[in-house]
Amino acid sequence: MQGKTSDEARHEIEDMLRGRMWIHPEQVRVVVRGGVVTLTGAVDRRSTAGIVARLTADVPGVSHVVDQVRFDFDDTDLLVRSRISRTHPFSADSLPPAGIRRRSRKRGRRLLCQDASVK
């Protein structure tokens, strides 16, 4: 890793996981060797395991992540079928189905709408 020892890089990744994901180093073990990070351990959900690997890959100096994190529950199917995955990132309102439009109250713009009966 660029100018960092393996121990410094491991501590940076563990601090990041603790700070952003509330994952204790005993829960997910981090091993760093020459920019390659190996993650082992277990988390509750599959989506959490994926986030852990992506956040680790974003740490400066990490060239590759070997993701061996196990999970207890596969929640990815639930996210695909739920309304949660179809929400706008800056709003609690769910995105409407494609092709359904309504007029906005501001300047007559056309917006997508959840229900075709809304005008």
C-alpha atoms as a PDB file:
ATOM      1  CA  MET A   1       0.000   0.000   0.000  1.00  0.00           C
ATOM      2  CA  GLN A   2       1.276   3.419  -0.901  1.00  0.00           C
ATOM      3  CA  GLY A   3       3.649   4.401   1.899  1.00  0.00           C
ATOM      4  CA  LYS A   4       1.720   2.487   4.580  1.00  0.00           C
ATOM      5  CA  THR A   5       2.702  -0.607   6.460  1.00  0.00           C
ATOM      6  CA  SER A   6       0.303  -3.535   6.469  1.00  0.00           C
ATOM      7  CA  ASP A   7      -0.553  -2.817  10.117  1.00  0.00           C
ATOM      8  CA  GLU A   8      -1.349   0.836   9.384  1.00  0.00           C
ATOM      9  CA  ALA A   9      -3.549  -0.153   6.464  1.00  0.00           C
ATOM     10  CA  ARG A  10      -5.329  -2.823   8.546  1.00  0.00           C
ATOM     11  CA  HIS A  11      -6.020  -0.283  11.323  1.00  0.00           C
ATOM     12  CA  GLU A  12      -7.341   2.236   8.779  1.00  0.00           C
ATOM     13  CA  ILE A  13      -9.729  -0.349   7.301  1.00  0.00           C
ATOM     14  CA  GLU A  14     -10.857  -1.556  10.729  1.00  0.00           C
ATOM     15  CA  ASP A  15     -11.484   2.048  11.847  1.00  0.00           C
ATOM     16  CA  MET A  16     -13.447   2.724   8.664  1.00  0.00           C
ATOM     17  CA  LEU A  17     -15.610  -0.394   9.155  1.00  0.00           C
ATOM     18  CA  ARG A  18     -16.193   0.459  12.815  1.00  0.00           C
ATOM     19  CA  GLY A  19     -17.022   4.095  12.060  1.00  0.00           C
ATOM     20  CA  ARG A  20     -19.226   3.623   8.992  1.00  0.00           C
ATOM     21  CA  MET A  21     -20.729   0.166   9.497  1.00  0.00           C
ATOM     22  CA  TRP A  22     -20.404  -0.371  13.279  1.00  0.00           C
ATOM     23  CA  ILE A  23     -18.536  -3.590  12.584  1.00  0.00           C
ATOM     24  CA  HIS A  24     -16.082  -4.599  15.293  1.00  0.00           C
ATOM     25  CA  PRO A  25     -12.681  -6.032  14.241  1.00  0.00           C
ATOM     26  CA  GLU A  26     -13.603  -9.311  15.947  1.00  0.00           C
ATOM     27  CA  GLN A  27     -16.611  -9.626  13.637  1.00  0.00           C
ATOM     28  CA  VAL A  28     -14.717  -9.083  10.359  1.00  0.00           C
ATOM     29  CA  ARG A  29     -11.018  -9.879  10.334  1.00  0.00           C
ATOM     30  CA  VAL A  30      -8.803  -7.796   8.037  1.00  0.00           C
ATOM     31  CA  VAL A  31      -5.472  -9.088   6.691  1.00  0.00           C
ATOM     32  CA  VAL A  32      -3.357  -6.837   4.447  1.00  0.00           C
ATOM     33  CA  ARG A  33      -0.422  -8.019   2.333  1.00  0.00           C
ATOM     34  CA  GLY A  34       1.016  -5.711  -0.297  1.00  0.00           C
ATOM     35  CA  GLY A  35      -2.220  -3.898  -1.156  1.00  0.00           C
ATOM     36  CA  VAL A  36      -4.292  -7.094  -1.191  1.00  0.00           C
ATOM     37  CA  VAL A  37      -6.882  -7.120   1.591  1.00  0.00           C
ATOM     38  CA  THR A  38      -8.491 -10.364   2.725  1.00  0.00           C
ATOM     39  CA  LEU A  39     -11.730 -10.047   4.684  1.00  0.00           C
ATOM     40  CA  THR A  40     -12.993 -12.993   6.745  1.00  0.00           C
ATOM     41  CA  GLY A  41     -15.689 -13.343   9.373  1.00  0.00           C
ATOM     42  CA  ALA A  42     -19.455 -13.076   9.417  1.00  0.00           C
ATOM     43  CA  VAL A  43     -22.144 -10.398   9.313  1.00  0.00           C
ATOM     44  CA  ASP A  44     -25.922 -10.555   9.584  1.00  0.00           C
ATOM     45  CA  ARG A  45     -26.976  -9.764   6.014  1.00  0.00           C
ATOM     46  CA  ARG A  46     -25.637 -10.394   2.535  1.00  0.00           C
ATOM     47  CA  SER A  47     -26.081  -6.741   1.605  1.00  0.00           C
ATOM     48  CA  THR A  48     -23.865  -5.761   4.558  1.00  0.00           C
ATOM     49  CA  ALA A  49     -21.142  -8.158   3.400  1.00  0.00           C
ATOM     50  CA  GLY A  50     -21.180  -6.523  -0.040  1.00  0.00           C
ATOM     51  CA  ILE A  51     -20.975  -3.033   1.410  1.00  0.00           C
ATOM     52  CA  VAL A  52     -18.008  -4.055   3.578  1.00  0.00           C
ATOM     53  CA  ALA A  53     -16.108  -5.277   0.506  1.00  0.00           C
ATOM     54  CA  ARG A  54     -16.939  -2.148  -1.540  1.00  0.00           C
ATOM     55  CA  LEU A  55     -15.931   0.244   1.240  1.00  0.00           C
ATOM     56  CA  THR A  56     -12.671  -1.638   1.724  1.00  0.00           C
ATOM     57  CA  ALA A  57     -11.903  -1.447  -1.998  1.00  0.00           C
ATOM     58  CA  ASP A  58     -12.300   2.355  -1.829  1.00  0.00           C
ATOM     59  CA  VAL A  59      -9.538   2.761   0.763  1.00  0.00           C
ATOM     60  CA  PRO A  60      -6.505   4.422  -0.892  1.00  0.00           C
ATOM     61  CA  GLY A  61      -3.778   1.912  -1.673  1.00  0.00           C
ATOM     62  CA  VAL A  62      -6.011  -1.162  -1.777  1.00  0.00           C
ATOM     63  CA  SER A  63      -5.362  -2.938  -5.064  1.00  0.00           C
ATOM     64  CA  HIS A  64      -7.576  -5.992  -4.550  1.00  0.00           C
ATOM     65  CA  VAL A  65     -10.104  -7.299  -2.006  1.00  0.00           C
ATOM     66  CA  VAL A  66     -10.539 -11.006  -1.306  1.00  0.00           C
ATOM     67  CA  ASP A  67     -14.046 -11.126   0.139  1.00  0.00           C
ATOM     68  CA  GLN A  68     -14.580 -14.200   2.322  1.00  0.00           C
ATOM     69  CA  VAL A  69     -17.157 -12.620   4.626  1.00  0.00           C
ATOM     70  CA  ARG A  70     -20.035 -14.974   5.390  1.00  0.00           C
ATOM     71  CA  PHE A  71     -23.596 -13.848   6.082  1.00  0.00           C
ATOM     72  CA  ASP A  72     -26.505 -15.320   8.026  1.00  0.00           C
ATOM     73  CA  PHE A  73     -29.385 -14.020   5.932  1.00  0.00           C
ATOM     74  CA  ASP A  74     -29.670 -13.321   2.207  1.00  0.00           C
ATOM     75  CA  ASP A  75     -31.664 -10.097   2.030  1.00  0.00           C
ATOM     76  CA  THR A  76     -30.872  -9.255  -1.588  1.00  0.00           C
ATOM     77  CA  ASP A  77     -34.028 -10.931  -2.915  1.00  0.00           C
ATOM     78  CA  LEU A  78     -36.140  -8.926  -0.469  1.00  0.00           C
ATOM     79  CA  LEU A  79     -34.527  -5.658  -1.578  1.00  0.00           C
ATOM     80  CA  VAL A  80     -35.209  -6.403  -5.229  1.00  0.00           C
ATOM     81  CA  ARG A  81     -38.881  -7.119  -4.605  1.00  0.00           C
ATOM     82  CA  SER A  82     -39.503  -4.349  -2.087  1.00  0.00           C
ATOM     83  CA  ARG A  83     -40.310  -0.700  -2.644  1.00  0.00           C
ATOM     84  CA  ILE A  84     -37.147   0.219  -0.740  1.00  0.00           C
ATOM     85  CA  SER A  85     -34.955  -0.454  -3.742  1.00  0.00           C
ATOM     86  CA  ARG A  86     -37.158   1.741  -5.940  1.00  0.00           C
ATOM     87  CA  THR A  87     -36.891   4.968  -3.977  1.00  0.00           C
ATOM     88  CA  HIS A  88     -35.226   8.130  -5.091  1.00  0.00           C
ATOM     89  CA  PRO A  89     -31.967   8.637  -3.159  1.00  0.00           C
ATOM     90  CA  PHE A  90     -33.040  12.074  -1.886  1.00  0.00           C
ATOM     91  CA  SER A  91     -36.645  11.277  -1.089  1.00  0.00           C
ATOM     92  CA  ALA A  92     -38.736   8.832   0.897  1.00  0.00           C
ATOM     93  CA  ASP A  93     -41.183   8.740  -2.022  1.00  0.00           C
ATOM     94  CA  SER A  94     -40.943   5.634  -4.126  1.00  0.00           C
ATOM     95  CA  LEU A  95     -40.234   5.984  -7.821  1.00  0.00           C
ATOM     96  CA  PRO A  96     -43.236   5.444 -10.076  1.00  0.00           C
ATOM     97  CA  PRO A  97     -43.512   2.675 -12.634  1.00  0.00           C
ATOM     98  CA  ALA A  98     -42.048   3.592 -16.003  1.00  0.00           C
ATOM     99  CA  GLY A  99     -44.337   5.348 -18.437  1.00  0.00           C
ATOM    100  CA  ILE A 100     -46.808   6.869 -15.973  1.00  0.00           C
ATOM    101  CA  ARG A 101     -46.646  10.664 -15.946  1.00  0.00           C
ATOM    102  CA  ARG A 102     -48.407  13.573 -14.294  1.00  0.00           C
ATOM    103  CA  ARG A 103     -48.196  17.340 -14.504  1.00  0.00           C
ATOM    104  CA  SER A 104     -46.120  19.140 -11.915  1.00  0.00           C
ATOM    105  CA  ARG A 105     -47.644  22.104 -10.140  1.00  0.00           C
ATOM    106  CA  LYS A 106     -44.518  24.097 -10.955  1.00  0.00           C
ATOM    107  CA  ARG A 107     -44.161  25.454 -14.492  1.00  0.00           C
ATOM    108  CA  GLY A 108     -46.212  22.652 -16.064  1.00  0.00           C
ATOM    109  CA  ARG A 109     -43.360  20.129 -16.158  1.00  0.00           C
ATOM    110  CA  ARG A 110     -44.314  16.504 -16.609  1.00  0.00           C
ATOM    111  CA  LEU A 111     -43.231  14.190 -13.799  1.00  0.00           C
ATOM    112  CA  LEU A 112     -43.436  10.473 -13.310  1.00  0.00           C
ATOM    113  CA  CYS A 113     -46.150   9.461 -10.899  1.00  0.00           C
ATOM    114  CA  GLN A 114     -46.975   6.372  -8.807  1.00  0.00           C
ATOM    115  CA  ASP A 115     -50.633   6.301  -9.748  1.00  0.00           C
ATOM    116  CA  ALA A 116     -52.095   6.931 -13.201  1.00  0.00           C
ATOM    117  CA  SER A 117     -55.186   8.481 -11.622  1.00  0.00           C
ATOM    118  CA  VAL A 118     -53.159  11.405 -10.172  1.00  0.00           C
ATOM    119  CA  LYS A 119     -53.235  14.427 -12.447  1.00  0.00           C
END
